[in-house]
């Protein structure tokens, strides 16, 4: 394993599917990768005690946050503050890849 944590994440999800994997888990942060197939969705959710940052690495996603929606293309970064309801949808015909950093981990404050 090299320094590039994304190097081994080569998921190619089918239409409507999402494939995820944990890239790093420490006492301070959880870093996950998500590959969204066409029409794939990360269901809107919230983290009451943690900040969640999306890093759009490939493709385009529509990010939903509270009452807002915005199309974000790679490279793009979206900050989701504690308690904000957030999710993402791939409305394109191509696979989109993003990472999500969650910190601090619940129970680590």
Protein backbone atom coordinates (compact mmCIF):
# COMPACT_ATOMS: atom_id res chain seq x y z
CA UNK A 1 0.00 0.00 0.00
CA UNK A 2 1.37 3.38 -1.05
CA UNK A 3 0.52 6.86 0.10
CA UNK A 4 -2.41 7.23 -2.32
CA UNK A 5 -5.38 5.84 -0.38
CA UNK A 6 -7.64 6.03 -3.44
CA UNK A 7 -5.34 3.96 -5.67
CA UNK A 8 -7.02 0.65 -4.82
CA UNK A 9 -10.59 1.96 -4.96
CA UNK A 10 -11.56 1.02 -8.50
CA UNK A 11 -15.31 0.50 -8.10
CA UNK A 12 -17.51 0.76 -11.18
CA UNK A 13 -21.11 0.65 -9.97
CA UNK A 14 -24.05 -0.16 -12.20
CA UNK A 15 -26.85 2.29 -12.88
CA UNK A 16 -28.65 3.26 -9.68
CA UNK A 17 -25.97 1.73 -7.45
CA UNK A 18 -23.43 3.18 -5.03
CA UNK A 19 -20.24 1.41 -4.00
CA UNK A 20 -18.38 2.70 -0.96
CA UNK A 21 -15.25 1.83 0.93
CA UNK A 22 -13.38 3.08 3.97
CA UNK A 23 -10.04 4.60 3.00
CA UNK A 24 -8.91 5.66 6.46
CA UNK A 25 -10.22 5.37 10.00
CA UNK A 26 -8.34 7.07 12.81
CA UNK A 27 -9.24 8.45 16.22
CA UNK A 28 -9.95 11.78 14.51
CA UNK A 29 -11.48 11.12 11.08
CA UNK A 30 -13.32 8.65 8.90
CA UNK A 31 -12.52 8.97 5.20
CA UNK A 32 -14.78 7.06 2.81
CA UNK A 33 -14.89 6.85 -0.98
CA UNK A 34 -18.15 6.63 -2.90
CA UNK A 35 -18.61 5.66 -6.54
CA UNK A 36 -22.07 6.60 -7.77
CA UNK A 37 -23.34 4.95 -10.91
CA UNK A 38 -25.74 6.86 -13.13
CA UNK A 39 -28.75 7.74 -10.96
CA UNK A 40 -26.85 6.59 -7.85
CA UNK A 41 -27.65 8.44 -4.64
CA UNK A 42 -26.25 9.02 -1.19
CA UNK A 43 -29.49 9.40 0.72
CA UNK A 44 -29.74 12.71 2.59
CA UNK A 45 -28.74 12.30 6.22
CA UNK A 46 -27.17 14.31 9.02
CA UNK A 47 -24.40 14.04 11.58
CA UNK A 48 -25.38 16.00 14.68
CA UNK A 49 -21.88 15.97 16.18
CA UNK A 50 -19.57 15.87 13.16
CA UNK A 51 -18.63 17.89 10.09
CA UNK A 52 -18.76 16.06 6.76
CA UNK A 53 -16.76 17.27 3.75
CA UNK A 54 -17.42 15.97 0.23
CA UNK A 55 -14.50 16.02 -2.22
CA UNK A 56 -15.79 15.43 -5.77
CA UNK A 57 -12.94 13.69 -7.58
CA UNK A 58 -14.52 12.52 -10.83
CA UNK A 59 -17.67 13.41 -12.67
CA UNK A 60 -20.56 15.58 -11.53
CA UNK A 61 -23.01 15.22 -8.65
CA UNK A 62 -25.95 17.23 -7.43
CA UNK A 63 -25.40 17.93 -3.76
CA UNK A 64 -28.43 18.39 -1.54
CA UNK A 65 -27.89 20.31 1.68
CA UNK A 66 -30.80 21.41 3.83
CA UNK A 67 -32.97 23.42 1.41
CA UNK A 68 -30.23 23.88 -1.22
CA UNK A 69 -29.18 21.87 -4.25
CA UNK A 70 -26.14 22.59 -6.38
CA UNK A 71 -24.36 20.77 -9.18
CA UNK A 72 -20.69 20.23 -8.32
CA UNK A 73 -18.16 18.93 -10.85
CA UNK A 74 -14.68 17.56 -10.18
CA UNK A 75 -12.63 18.94 -8.69
CA UNK A 76 -15.01 20.31 -6.10
CA UNK A 77 -15.33 20.50 -2.32
CA UNK A 78 -18.53 20.88 -0.28
CA UNK A 79 -18.54 21.60 3.46
CA UNK A 80 -21.50 20.12 5.36
CA UNK A 81 -21.56 21.58 8.85
CA UNK A 82 -22.73 19.66 11.91
CA UNK A 83 -26.46 19.03 11.82
CA UNK A 84 -26.95 19.94 8.14
CA UNK A 85 -28.93 17.37 6.18
CA UNK A 86 -26.82 16.46 3.14
CA UNK A 87 -26.64 13.92 0.33
CA UNK A 88 -25.62 13.58 -3.30
CA UNK A 89 -27.14 12.30 -6.54
CA UNK A 90 -25.47 11.41 -9.84
CA UNK A 91 -27.82 12.61 -12.55
CA UNK A 92 -25.36 11.93 -15.37
CA UNK A 93 -24.63 8.90 -17.56
CA UNK A 94 -21.09 8.55 -16.18
CA UNK A 95 -19.73 7.23 -12.87
CA UNK A 96 -19.03 9.93 -10.30
CA UNK A 97 -16.51 9.49 -7.46
CA UNK A 98 -16.33 11.47 -4.26
CA UNK A 99 -14.76 11.09 -0.87
CA UNK A 100 -16.35 12.11 2.40
CA UNK A 101 -14.39 13.08 5.49
CA UNK A 102 -16.26 12.85 8.77
CA UNK A 103 -14.70 14.48 11.81
CA UNK A 104 -14.62 14.25 14.64
CA UNK A 105 -15.87 10.73 14.79
CA UNK A 106 -19.00 10.36 16.91
CA UNK A 107 -18.00 9.78 20.50
CA UNK A 108 -14.49 11.23 19.98
CA UNK A 109 -15.16 14.75 21.24
